[in-house]
Structure formats: C-alpha cells, structure tokens
Amino acid sequence: MIISKEMFVACILAIQRQEEYDHKCIDAFQTILNEDRIVIGYDNSVLSTQIINLLVACMNDNGQWIEYFIYDLDYGKEYHEGSVMQKDKTPIDISTEEKLYDFLKDEYLNS
C-alpha cells in the first residue's frame, strides 16, 4: 500500500524535526551538566526507526533509499547533481522529500 505524498513528506519532516530537537536538548544537557561528553536524556530512536520501517514498507523501498536520504544525504542537504545513480548510471534526483517520494512511487509501480 503506497501512502500519499503529503503523508510521506510529513513523516520525513517530523523525523527531521525530532532529530534537530534532540540535538538541541543534548547540547543543553551538556551545558547544564558541564560535560565534555555527549549526554543523552532520552532516546527517540525506537520511534524514529519504526516510522522509517513503516515508510519503507509502504513505499516498497527495497533499495533502502529512504534511509540513504535521511542518514547519508542528511535529509537531502548533502545531495548534489550526479551524486546518486541507477545501476545503469542514470542520475536519480532525490534532493527533496518530494522527489524521493516520486522516485519511490515510480519504482513501486514498476516492480
């Protein structure tokens, strides 16, 4: 079952916002506790991982493109033209959540 583009984008952006919030909290904990090491007050990775797993299942993401977009491309910030290619060297533009969705939808419909 493929989900809507709006829902897909909202989920990716929610994961990103939570990650940014978590990093701010970590920085605050380090400042308050005067620690040089990373101090984590809580862990949202279980929920984030499950949302990613759900997106992967809904989009039939066998190529692990969603995780690549989030972790390796830092939500598309590290994308540059030609950095992502098909096996046949055809460029893939996954620079935004919307473009990632379009790519995955095409892949889903062609599989």
PDB file of N, CA and C in Angstrom:
ATOM      1  N   MET A   1       0.836  -1.180   0.000  1.00  0.00           N
ATOM      2  CA  MET A   1       0.000   0.000   0.000  1.00  0.00           C
ATOM      3  C   MET A   1       0.878   1.239   0.000  1.00  0.00           C
ATOM      4  N   ILE A   2       0.792   2.028  -1.008  1.00  0.00           N
ATOM      5  CA  ILE A   2       1.561   3.258  -1.096  1.00  0.00           C
ATOM      6  C   ILE A   2       0.794   4.372  -0.367  1.00  0.00           C
ATOM      7  N   ILE A   3       1.497   5.222   0.341  1.00  0.00           N
ATOM      8  CA  ILE A   3       0.855   6.321   1.057  1.00  0.00           C
ATOM      9  C   ILE A   3       0.910   7.583   0.207  1.00  0.00           C
ATOM     10  N   SER A   4       0.186   8.587   0.608  1.00  0.00           N
ATOM     11  CA  SER A   4       0.162   9.842  -0.144  1.00  0.00           C
ATOM     12  C   SER A   4       1.494  10.579   0.004  1.00  0.00           C
ATOM     13  N   LYS A   5       1.768  11.416  -0.969  1.00  0.00           N
ATOM     14  CA  LYS A   5       2.992  12.222  -0.920  1.00  0.00           C
ATOM     15  C   LYS A   5       2.981  13.121   0.310  1.00  0.00           C
ATOM     16  N   GLU A   6       1.823  13.696   0.622  1.00  0.00           N
ATOM     17  CA  GLU A   6       1.720  14.602   1.760  1.00  0.00           C
ATOM     18  C   GLU A   6       2.074  13.894   3.060  1.00  0.00           C
ATOM     19  N   MET A   7       1.556  12.684   3.238  1.00  0.00           N
ATOM     20  CA  MET A   7       1.834  11.911   4.450  1.00  0.00           C
ATOM     21  C   MET A   7       3.304  11.504   4.510  1.00  0.00           C
ATOM     22  N   PHE A   8       3.862  11.078   3.380  1.00  0.00           N
ATOM     23  CA  PHE A   8       5.269  10.688   3.311  1.00  0.00           C
ATOM     24  C   PHE A   8       6.161  11.862   3.710  1.00  0.00           C
ATOM     25  N   VAL A   9       5.924  13.008   3.099  1.00  0.00           N
ATOM     26  CA  VAL A   9       6.733  14.201   3.388  1.00  0.00           C
ATOM     27  C   VAL A   9       6.568  14.611   4.849  1.00  0.00           C
ATOM     28  N   ALA A  10       5.339  14.583   5.366  1.00  0.00           N
ATOM     29  CA  ALA A  10       5.097  14.948   6.761  1.00  0.00           C
ATOM     30  C   ALA A  10       5.868  14.030   7.707  1.00  0.00           C
ATOM     31  N   CYS A  11       5.918  12.739   7.415  1.00  0.00           N
ATOM     32  CA  CYS A  11       6.654  11.796   8.262  1.00  0.00           C
ATOM     33  C   CYS A  11       8.156  12.070   8.240  1.00  0.00           C
ATOM     34  N   ILE A  12       8.706  12.277   7.061  1.00  0.00           N
ATOM     35  CA  ILE A  12      10.147  12.569   6.954  1.00  0.00           C
ATOM     36  C   ILE A  12      10.483  13.859   7.693  1.00  0.00           C
ATOM     37  N   LEU A  13       9.658  14.895   7.497  1.00  0.00           N
ATOM     38  CA  LEU A  13       9.911  16.175   8.166  1.00  0.00           C
ATOM     39  C   LEU A  13       9.763  16.055   9.677  1.00  0.00           C
ATOM     40  N   ALA A  14       8.826  15.230  10.152  1.00  0.00           N
ATOM     41  CA  ALA A  14       8.668  15.016  11.593  1.00  0.00           C
ATOM     42  C   ALA A  14       9.898  14.338  12.187  1.00  0.00           C
ATOM     43  N   ILE A  15      10.424  13.349  11.488  1.00  0.00           N
ATOM     44  CA  ILE A  15      11.649  12.675  11.946  1.00  0.00           C
ATOM     45  C   ILE A  15      12.789  13.677  12.011  1.00  0.00           C
ATOM     46  N   GLN A  16      12.905  14.502  10.985  1.00  0.00           N
ATOM     47  CA  GLN A  16      13.971  15.503  10.948  1.00  0.00           C
ATOM     48  C   GLN A  16      13.813  16.525  12.081  1.00  0.00           C
ATOM     49  N   ARG A  17      12.598  17.018  12.294  1.00  0.00           N
ATOM     50  CA  ARG A  17      12.367  17.985  13.376  1.00  0.00           C
ATOM     51  C   ARG A  17      12.691  17.379  14.737  1.00  0.00           C
ATOM     52  N   GLN A  18      12.304  16.110  14.947  1.00  0.00           N
ATOM     53  CA  GLN A  18      12.602  15.456  16.220  1.00  0.00           C
ATOM     54  C   GLN A  18      14.109  15.314  16.417  1.00  0.00           C
ATOM     55  N   GLU A  19      14.809  14.948  15.351  1.00  0.00           N
ATOM     56  CA  GLU A  19      16.261  14.810  15.433  1.00  0.00           C
ATOM     57  C   GLU A  19      16.911  16.148  15.783  1.00  0.00           C
ATOM     58  N   GLU A  20      16.463  17.219  15.141  1.00  0.00           N
ATOM     59  CA  GLU A  20      17.015  18.548  15.435  1.00  0.00           C
ATOM     60  C   GLU A  20      16.726  18.951  16.883  1.00  0.00           C
ATOM     61  N   TYR A  21      15.518  18.680  17.347  1.00  0.00           N
ATOM     62  CA  TYR A  21      15.142  18.969  18.727  1.00  0.00           C
ATOM     63  C   TYR A  21      16.005  18.161  19.700  1.00  0.00           C
ATOM     64  N   ASP A  22      16.200  16.889  19.394  1.00  0.00           N
ATOM     65  CA  ASP A  22      17.026  16.034  20.247  1.00  0.00           C
ATOM     66  C   ASP A  22      18.446  16.577  20.357  1.00  0.00           C
ATOM     67  N   HIS A  23      19.001  17.043  19.233  1.00  0.00           N
ATOM     68  CA  HIS A  23      20.361  17.595  19.271  1.00  0.00           C
ATOM     69  C   HIS A  23      20.423  18.864  20.124  1.00  0.00           C
ATOM     70  N   LYS A  24      19.383  19.685  20.061  1.00  0.00           N
ATOM     71  CA  LYS A  24      19.340  20.884  20.909  1.00  0.00           C
ATOM     72  C   LYS A  24      19.286  20.494  22.380  1.00  0.00           C
ATOM     73  N   CYS A  25      18.510  19.471  22.684  1.00  0.00           N
ATOM     74  CA  CYS A  25      18.414  19.004  24.075  1.00  0.00           C
ATOM     75  C   CYS A  25      19.742  18.444  24.558  1.00  0.00           C
ATOM     76  N   ILE A  26      20.406  17.690  23.709  1.00  0.00           N
ATOM     77  CA  ILE A  26      21.714  17.140  24.064  1.00  0.00           C
ATOM     78  C   ILE A  26      22.689  18.271  24.362  1.00  0.00           C
ATOM     79  N   ASP A  27      22.692  19.292  23.507  1.00  0.00           N
ATOM     80  CA  ASP A  27      23.575  20.450  23.735  1.00  0.00           C
ATOM     81  C   ASP A  27      23.247  21.138  25.059  1.00  0.00           C
ATOM     82  N   ALA A  28      21.947  21.284  25.356  1.00  0.00           N
ATOM     83  CA  ALA A  28      21.535  21.916  26.610  1.00  0.00           C
ATOM     84  C   ALA A  28      21.971  21.088  27.810  1.00  0.00           C
ATOM     85  N   PHE A  29      21.773  19.755  27.728  1.00  0.00           N
ATOM     86  CA  PHE A  29      22.209  18.888  28.824  1.00  0.00           C
ATOM     87  C   PHE A  29      23.715  19.007  29.051  1.00  0.00           C
ATOM     88  N   GLN A  30      24.473  19.063  27.985  1.00  0.00           N
ATOM     89  CA  GLN A  30      25.925  19.176  28.122  1.00  0.00           C
ATOM     90  C   GLN A  30      26.302  20.492  28.792  1.00  0.00           C
ATOM     91  N   THR A  31      25.613  21.564  28.431  1.00  0.00           N
ATOM     92  CA  THR A  31      25.896  22.868  29.016  1.00  0.00           C
ATOM     93  C   THR A  31      25.518  22.891  30.495  1.00  0.00           C
ATOM     94  N   ILE A  32      24.321  22.410  30.794  1.00  0.00           N
ATOM     95  CA  ILE A  32      23.834  22.413  32.178  1.00  0.00           C
ATOM     96  C   ILE A  32      24.720  21.552  33.070  1.00  0.00           C
ATOM     97  N   LEU A  33      25.101  20.383  32.584  1.00  0.00           N
ATOM     98  CA  LEU A  33      25.894  19.450  33.381  1.00  0.00           C
ATOM     99  C   LEU A  33      27.389  19.686  33.257  1.00  0.00           C
ATOM    100  N   ASN A  34      27.761  20.654  32.419  1.00  0.00           N
ATOM    101  CA  ASN A  34      29.166  20.998  32.214  1.00  0.00           C
ATOM    102  C   ASN A  34      29.981  19.752  31.845  1.00  0.00           C
ATOM    103  N   GLU A  35      29.491  19.022  30.861  1.00  0.00           N
ATOM    104  CA  GLU A  35      30.112  17.768  30.432  1.00  0.00           C
ATOM    105  C   GLU A  35      30.781  17.945  29.070  1.00  0.00           C
ATOM    106  N   ASP A  36      31.929  17.299  28.884  1.00  0.00           N
ATOM    107  CA  ASP A  36      32.594  17.285  27.583  1.00  0.00           C
ATOM    108  C   ASP A  36      32.087  16.143  26.713  1.00  0.00           C
ATOM    109  N   ARG A  37      31.488  15.152  27.341  1.00  0.00           N
ATOM    110  CA  ARG A  37      30.983  14.011  26.592  1.00  0.00           C
ATOM    111  C   ARG A  37      29.522  14.246  26.235  1.00  0.00           C
ATOM    112  N   ILE A  38      29.020  13.459  25.298  1.00  0.00           N
ATOM    113  CA  ILE A  38      27.622  13.588  24.900  1.00  0.00           C
ATOM    114  C   ILE A  38      26.741  13.052  26.015  1.00  0.00           C
ATOM    115  N   VAL A  39      25.765  13.847  26.391  1.00  0.00           N
ATOM    116  CA  VAL A  39      24.825  13.479  27.433  1.00  0.00           C
ATOM    117  C   VAL A  39      23.460  13.355  26.778  1.00  0.00           C
ATOM    118  N   ILE A  40      22.868  12.175  26.898  1.00  0.00           N
ATOM    119  CA  ILE A  40      21.563  11.940  26.292  1.00  0.00           C
ATOM    120  C   ILE A  40      20.546  11.746  27.404  1.00  0.00           C
ATOM    121  N   GLY A  41      19.512  12.566  27.388  1.00  0.00           N
ATOM    122  CA  GLY A  41      18.492  12.477  28.419  1.00  0.00           C
ATOM    123  C   GLY A  41      17.397  11.488  28.080  1.00  0.00           C
ATOM    124  N   TYR A  42      17.216  11.225  26.831  1.00  0.00           N
ATOM    125  CA  TYR A  42      16.198  10.287  26.379  1.00  0.00           C
ATOM    126  C   TYR A  42      16.557   9.844  24.974  1.00  0.00           C
ATOM    127  N   ASP A  43      15.890   8.799  24.516  1.00  0.00           N
ATOM    128  CA  ASP A  43      16.222   8.234  23.213  1.00  0.00           C
ATOM    129  C   ASP A  43      14.948   8.054  22.396  1.00  0.00           C
ATOM    130  N   ASN A  44      14.842   8.766  21.292  1.00  0.00           N
ATOM    131  CA  ASN A  44      13.687   8.645  20.397  1.00  0.00           C
ATOM    132  C   ASN A  44      13.956   7.722  19.221  1.00  0.00           C
ATOM    133  N   SER A  45      15.079   7.039  19.223  1.00  0.00           N
ATOM    134  CA  SER A  45      15.449   6.244  18.057  1.00  0.00           C
ATOM    135  C   SER A  45      14.500   5.073  17.815  1.00  0.00           C
ATOM    136  N   VAL A  46      13.897   4.544  18.857  1.00  0.00           N
ATOM    137  CA  VAL A  46      12.969   3.425  18.682  1.00  0.00           C
ATOM    138  C   VAL A  46      11.784   3.873  17.829  1.00  0.00           C
ATOM    139  N   LEU A  47      11.208   4.996  18.168  1.00  0.00           N
ATOM    140  CA  LEU A  47      10.061   5.505  17.423  1.00  0.00           C
ATOM    141  C   LEU A  47      10.458   5.945  16.015  1.00  0.00           C
ATOM    142  N   SER A  48      11.564   6.670  15.885  1.00  0.00           N
ATOM    143  CA  SER A  48      12.023   7.108  14.564  1.00  0.00           C
ATOM    144  C   SER A  48      12.308   5.921  13.658  1.00  0.00           C
ATOM    145  N   THR A  49      12.958   4.917  14.206  1.00  0.00           N
ATOM    146  CA  THR A  49      13.270   3.716  13.429  1.00  0.00           C
ATOM    147  C   THR A  49      11.999   3.028  12.962  1.00  0.00           C
ATOM    148  N   GLN A  50      10.999   2.958  13.834  1.00  0.00           N
ATOM    149  CA  GLN A  50       9.753   2.306  13.453  1.00  0.00           C
ATOM    150  C   GLN A  50       9.005   3.102  12.384  1.00  0.00           C
ATOM    151  N   ILE A  51       9.029   4.418  12.467  1.00  0.00           N
ATOM    152  CA  ILE A  51       8.391   5.239  11.425  1.00  0.00           C
ATOM    153  C   ILE A  51       9.108   5.023  10.095  1.00  0.00           C
ATOM    154  N   ILE A  52      10.425   4.972  10.133  1.00  0.00           N
ATOM    155  CA  ILE A  52      11.186   4.709   8.901  1.00  0.00           C
ATOM    156  C   ILE A  52      10.831   3.326   8.365  1.00  0.00           C
ATOM    157  N   ASN A  53      10.749   2.329   9.241  1.00  0.00           N
ATOM    158  CA  ASN A  53      10.373   0.979   8.801  1.00  0.00           C
ATOM    159  C   ASN A  53       8.991   0.964   8.158  1.00  0.00           C
ATOM    160  N   LEU A  54       8.070   1.715   8.715  1.00  0.00           N
ATOM    161  CA  LEU A  54       6.728   1.810   8.154  1.00  0.00           C
ATOM    162  C   LEU A  54       6.760   2.467   6.775  1.00  0.00           C
ATOM    163  N   LEU A  55       7.524   3.554   6.640  1.00  0.00           N
ATOM    164  CA  LEU A  55       7.657   4.208   5.333  1.00  0.00           C
ATOM    165  C   LEU A  55       8.278   3.267   4.308  1.00  0.00           C
ATOM    166  N   VAL A  56       9.304   2.536   4.723  1.00  0.00           N
ATOM    167  CA  VAL A  56       9.964   1.572   3.838  1.00  0.00           C
ATOM    168  C   VAL A  56       8.957   0.532   3.354  1.00  0.00           C
ATOM    169  N   ALA A  57       8.145   0.018   4.264  1.00  0.00           N
ATOM    170  CA  ALA A  57       7.152  -0.990   3.901  1.00  0.00           C
ATOM    171  C   ALA A  57       6.085  -0.405   2.975  1.00  0.00           C
ATOM    172  N   CYS A  58       5.588   0.769   3.307  1.00  0.00           N
ATOM    173  CA  CYS A  58       4.537   1.398   2.492  1.00  0.00           C
ATOM    174  C   CYS A  58       5.015   1.737   1.089  1.00  0.00           C
ATOM    175  N   MET A  59       6.277   2.093   0.968  1.00  0.00           N
ATOM    176  CA  MET A  59       6.808   2.516  -0.332  1.00  0.00           C
ATOM    177  C   MET A  59       7.553   1.390  -1.045  1.00  0.00           C
ATOM    178  N   ASN A  60       7.556   0.195  -0.446  1.00  0.00           N
ATOM    179  CA  ASN A  60       8.256  -0.953  -1.037  1.00  0.00           C
ATOM    180  C   ASN A  60       9.707  -0.581  -1.366  1.00  0.00           C
ATOM    181  N   ASP A  61      10.356   0.035  -0.403  1.00  0.00           N
ATOM    182  CA  ASP A  61      11.706   0.583  -0.596  1.00  0.00           C
ATOM    183  C   ASP A  61      12.767  -0.494  -0.407  1.00  0.00           C
ATOM    184  N   ASN A  62      12.884  -1.364  -1.390  1.00  0.00           N
ATOM    185  CA  ASN A  62      13.872  -2.434  -1.318  1.00  0.00           C
ATOM    186  C   ASN A  62      15.298  -1.928  -1.463  1.00  0.00           C
ATOM    187  N   GLY A  63      15.477  -0.768  -2.033  1.00  0.00           N
ATOM    188  CA  GLY A  63      16.813  -0.223  -2.241  1.00  0.00           C
ATOM    189  C   GLY A  63      17.333   0.602  -1.092  1.00  0.00           C
ATOM    190  N   GLN A  64      16.562   0.694  -0.023  1.00  0.00           N
ATOM    191  CA  GLN A  64      16.942   1.454   1.171  1.00  0.00           C
ATOM    192  C   GLN A  64      17.204   2.924   0.866  1.00  0.00           C
ATOM    193  N   TRP A  65      16.411   3.464  -0.064  1.00  0.00           N
ATOM    194  CA  TRP A  65      16.572   4.862  -0.459  1.00  0.00           C
ATOM    195  C   TRP A  65      16.172   5.825   0.649  1.00  0.00           C
ATOM    196  N   ILE A  66      15.170   5.473   1.425  1.00  0.00           N
ATOM    197  CA  ILE A  66      14.715   6.367   2.493  1.00  0.00           C
ATOM    198  C   ILE A  66      15.816   6.556   3.532  1.00  0.00           C
ATOM    199  N   GLU A  67      16.412   5.455   3.969  1.00  0.00           N
ATOM    200  CA  GLU A  67      17.495   5.557   4.943  1.00  0.00           C
ATOM    201  C   GLU A  67      18.707   6.285   4.350  1.00  0.00           C
ATOM    202  N   TYR A  68      18.990   6.038   3.101  1.00  0.00           N
ATOM    203  CA  TYR A  68      20.098   6.740   2.435  1.00  0.00           C
ATOM    204  C   TYR A  68      19.831   8.241   2.428  1.00  0.00           C
ATOM    205  N   PHE A  69      18.607   8.636   2.081  1.00  0.00           N
ATOM    206  CA  PHE A  69      18.224  10.050   2.050  1.00  0.00           C
ATOM    207  C   PHE A  69      18.387  10.687   3.426  1.00  0.00           C
ATOM    208  N   ILE A  70      17.921   9.991   4.461  1.00  0.00           N
ATOM    209  CA  ILE A  70      17.961  10.542   5.814  1.00  0.00           C
ATOM    210  C   ILE A  70      19.390  10.578   6.371  1.00  0.00           C
ATOM    211  N   TYR A  71      20.066   9.439   6.331  1.00  0.00           N
ATOM    212  CA  TYR A  71      21.345   9.332   7.028  1.00  0.00           C
ATOM    213  C   TYR A  71      22.548   9.764   6.191  1.00  0.00           C
ATOM    214  N   ASP A  72      22.629   9.322   4.962  1.00  0.00           N
ATOM    215  CA  ASP A  72      23.796   9.632   4.139  1.00  0.00           C
ATOM    216  C   ASP A  72      23.696  11.011   3.474  1.00  0.00           C
ATOM    217  N   LEU A  73      22.489  11.351   3.040  1.00  0.00           N
ATOM    218  CA  LEU A  73      22.302  12.654   2.378  1.00  0.00           C
ATOM    219  C   LEU A  73      21.828  13.732   3.348  1.00  0.00           C
ATOM    220  N   ASP A  74      21.717  13.404   4.624  1.00  0.00           N
ATOM    221  CA  ASP A  74      21.278  14.350   5.657  1.00  0.00           C
ATOM    222  C   ASP A  74      20.019  15.092   5.218  1.00  0.00           C
ATOM    223  N   TYR A  75      18.986  14.313   4.936  1.00  0.00           N
ATOM    224  CA  TYR A  75      17.687  14.835   4.501  1.00  0.00           C
ATOM    225  C   TYR A  75      17.809  15.650   3.215  1.00  0.00           C
ATOM    226  N   GLY A  76      18.696  15.241   2.354  1.00  0.00           N
ATOM    227  CA  GLY A  76      18.871  15.886   1.054  1.00  0.00           C
ATOM    228  C   GLY A  76      19.873  17.024   1.042  1.00  0.00           C
ATOM    229  N   LYS A  77      20.337  17.459   2.204  1.00  0.00           N
ATOM    230  CA  LYS A  77      21.273  18.595   2.275  1.00  0.00           C
ATOM    231  C   LYS A  77      22.617  18.280   1.613  1.00  0.00           C
ATOM    232  N   GLU A  78      23.015  17.011   1.638  1.00  0.00           N
ATOM    233  CA  GLU A  78      24.300  16.610   1.066  1.00  0.00           C
ATOM    234  C   GLU A  78      24.183  16.147  -0.387  1.00  0.00           C
ATOM    235  N   TYR A  79      22.981  16.209  -0.927  1.00  0.00           N
ATOM    236  CA  TYR A  79      22.777  15.802  -2.325  1.00  0.00           C
ATOM    237  C   TYR A  79      23.387  16.844  -3.252  1.00  0.00           C
ATOM    238  N   HIS A  80      24.022  16.365  -4.303  1.00  0.00           N
ATOM    239  CA  HIS A  80      24.434  17.244  -5.394  1.00  0.00           C
ATOM    240  C   HIS A  80      24.213  16.485  -6.699  1.00  0.00           C
ATOM    241  N   GLU A  81      23.989  17.221  -7.744  1.00  0.00           N
ATOM    242  CA  GLU A  81      23.653  16.620  -9.032  1.00  0.00           C
ATOM    243  C   GLU A  81      24.667  15.553  -9.425  1.00  0.00           C
ATOM    244  N   GLY A  82      24.159  14.384  -9.752  1.00  0.00           N
ATOM    245  CA  GLY A  82      25.013  13.283 -10.170  1.00  0.00           C
ATOM    246  C   GLY A  82      25.542  12.434  -9.032  1.00  0.00           C
ATOM    247  N   SER A  83      25.173  12.775  -7.792  1.00  0.00           N
ATOM    248  CA  SER A  83      25.702  12.012  -6.656  1.00  0.00           C
ATOM    249  C   SER A  83      24.970  10.690  -6.444  1.00  0.00           C
ATOM    250  N   VAL A  84      23.799  10.551  -7.017  1.00  0.00           N
ATOM    251  CA  VAL A  84      23.020   9.329  -6.871  1.00  0.00           C
ATOM    252  C   VAL A  84      22.670   8.815  -8.260  1.00  0.00           C
ATOM    253  N   MET A  85      23.027   7.568  -8.510  1.00  0.00           N
ATOM    254  CA  MET A  85      22.827   6.993  -9.843  1.00  0.00           C
ATOM    255  C   MET A  85      22.168   5.617  -9.764  1.00  0.00           C
ATOM    256  N   GLN A  86      21.439   5.296 -10.810  1.00  0.00           N
ATOM    257  CA  GLN A  86      20.937   3.939 -11.005  1.00  0.00           C
ATOM    258  C   GLN A  86      22.125   3.048 -11.376  1.00  0.00           C
ATOM    259  N   LYS A  87      21.909   1.753 -11.413  1.00  0.00           N
ATOM    260  CA  LYS A  87      22.978   0.836 -11.804  1.00  0.00           C
ATOM    261  C   LYS A  87      23.477   1.120 -13.212  1.00  0.00           C
ATOM    262  N   ASP A  88      22.582   1.607 -14.085  1.00  0.00           N
ATOM    263  CA  ASP A  88      22.965   1.910 -15.461  1.00  0.00           C
ATOM    264  C   ASP A  88      23.523   3.324 -15.625  1.00  0.00           C
ATOM    265  N   LYS A  89      23.842   3.982 -14.500  1.00  0.00           N
ATOM    266  CA  LYS A  89      24.440   5.323 -14.447  1.00  0.00           C
ATOM    267  C   LYS A  89      23.447   6.444 -14.757  1.00  0.00           C
ATOM    268  N   THR A  90      22.159   6.141 -14.771  1.00  0.00           N
ATOM    269  CA  THR A  90      21.151   7.178 -14.926  1.00  0.00           C
ATOM    270  C   THR A  90      21.046   7.945 -13.611  1.00  0.00           C
ATOM    271  N   PRO A  91      21.149   9.273 -13.650  1.00  0.00           N
ATOM    272  CA  PRO A  91      21.076  10.040 -12.408  1.00  0.00           C
ATOM    273  C   PRO A  91      19.690   9.956 -11.767  1.00  0.00           C
ATOM    274  N   ILE A  92      19.681   9.987 -10.462  1.00  0.00           N
ATOM    275  CA  ILE A  92      18.447   9.986  -9.686  1.00  0.00           C
ATOM    276  C   ILE A  92      18.453  11.254  -8.840  1.00  0.00           C
ATOM    277  N   ASP A  93      17.410  12.054  -8.974  1.00  0.00           N
ATOM    278  CA  ASP A  93      17.305  13.269  -8.172  1.00  0.00           C
ATOM    279  C   ASP A  93      16.436  12.985  -6.954  1.00  0.00           C
ATOM    280  N   ILE A  94      17.081  12.790  -5.823  1.00  0.00           N
ATOM    281  CA  ILE A  94      16.368  12.629  -4.557  1.00  0.00           C
ATOM    282  C   ILE A  94      16.835  13.724  -3.591  1.00  0.00           C
ATOM    283  N   SER A  95      16.824  14.934  -4.073  1.00  0.00           N
ATOM    284  CA  SER A  95      17.318  16.071  -3.300  1.00  0.00           C
ATOM    285  C   SER A  95      16.306  16.588  -2.290  1.00  0.00           C
ATOM    286  N   THR A  96      15.044  16.211  -2.440  1.00  0.00           N
ATOM    287  CA  THR A  96      14.000  16.635  -1.504  1.00  0.00           C
ATOM    288  C   THR A  96      13.125  15.436  -1.150  1.00  0.00           C
ATOM    289  N   GLU A  97      12.334  15.604  -0.118  1.00  0.00           N
ATOM    290  CA  GLU A  97      11.404  14.553   0.287  1.00  0.00           C
ATOM    291  C   GLU A  97      10.417  14.258  -0.844  1.00  0.00           C
ATOM    292  N   GLU A  98       9.960  15.313  -1.509  1.00  0.00           N
ATOM    293  CA  GLU A  98       9.001  15.158  -2.602  1.00  0.00           C
ATOM    294  C   GLU A  98       9.595  14.377  -3.765  1.00  0.00           C
ATOM    295  N   LYS A  99      10.827  14.687  -4.121  1.00  0.00           N
ATOM    296  CA  LYS A  99      11.482  13.974  -5.225  1.00  0.00           C
ATOM    297  C   LYS A  99      11.790  12.529  -4.843  1.00  0.00           C
ATOM    298  N   LEU A 100      12.129  12.310  -3.593  1.00  0.00           N
ATOM    299  CA  LEU A 100      12.335  10.940  -3.120  1.00  0.00           C
ATOM    300  C   LEU A 100      11.033  10.160  -3.242  1.00  0.00           C
ATOM    301  N   TYR A 101       9.941  10.765  -2.839  1.00  0.00           N
ATOM    302  CA  TYR A 101       8.630  10.110  -2.952  1.00  0.00           C
ATOM    303  C   TYR A 101       8.324   9.762  -4.406  1.00  0.00           C
ATOM    304  N   ASP A 102       8.514  10.727  -5.302  1.00  0.00           N
ATOM    305  CA  ASP A 102       8.227  10.491  -6.723  1.00  0.00           C
ATOM    306  C   ASP A 102       9.065   9.339  -7.264  1.00  0.00           C
ATOM    307  N   PHE A 103      10.343   9.316  -6.906  1.00  0.00           N
ATOM    308  CA  PHE A 103      11.224   8.233  -7.341  1.00  0.00           C
ATOM    309  C   PHE A 103      10.734   6.890  -6.812  1.00  0.00           C
ATOM    310  N   LEU A 104      10.433   6.839  -5.507  1.00  0.00           N
ATOM    311  CA  LEU A 104       9.977   5.588  -4.904  1.00  0.00           C
ATOM    312  C   LEU A 104       8.629   5.148  -5.473  1.00  0.00           C
ATOM    313  N   LYS A 105       7.757   6.085  -5.739  1.00  0.00           N
ATOM    314  CA  LYS A 105       6.456   5.748  -6.318  1.00  0.00           C
ATOM    315  C   LYS A 105       6.640   5.124  -7.694  1.00  0.00           C
ATOM    316  N   ASP A 106       7.524   5.718  -8.498  1.00  0.00           N
ATOM    317  CA  ASP A 106       7.823   5.140  -9.826  1.00  0.00           C
ATOM    318  C   ASP A 106       8.397   3.743  -9.679  1.00  0.00           C
ATOM    319  N   GLU A 107       9.309   3.553  -8.738  1.00  0.00           N
ATOM    320  CA  GLU A 107       9.914   2.245  -8.500  1.00  0.00           C
ATOM    321  C   GLU A 107       8.850   1.241  -8.051  1.00  0.00           C
ATOM    322  N   TYR A 108       7.964   1.685  -7.159  1.00  0.00           N
ATOM    323  CA  TYR A 108       6.910   0.830  -6.619  1.00  0.00           C
ATOM    324  C   TYR A 108       5.982   0.367  -7.741  1.00  0.00           C
ATOM    325  N   LEU A 109       5.601   1.292  -8.606  1.00  0.00           N
ATOM    326  CA  LEU A 109       4.670   0.967  -9.677  1.00  0.00           C
ATOM    327  C   LEU A 109       5.315   0.091 -10.758  1.00  0.00           C
ATOM    328  N   ASN A 110       6.636   0.179 -10.869  1.00  0.00           N
ATOM    329  CA  ASN A 110       7.339  -0.623 -11.875  1.00  0.00           C
ATOM    330  C   ASN A 110       7.832  -1.963 -11.357  1.00  0.00           C
ATOM    331  N   SER A 111       7.578  -2.257 -10.084  1.00  0.00           N
ATOM    332  CA  SER A 111       8.080  -3.525  -9.536  1.00  0.00           C
ATOM    333  C   SER A 111       7.009  -4.583  -9.505  1.00  0.00           C
TER     334      SER A 111
END
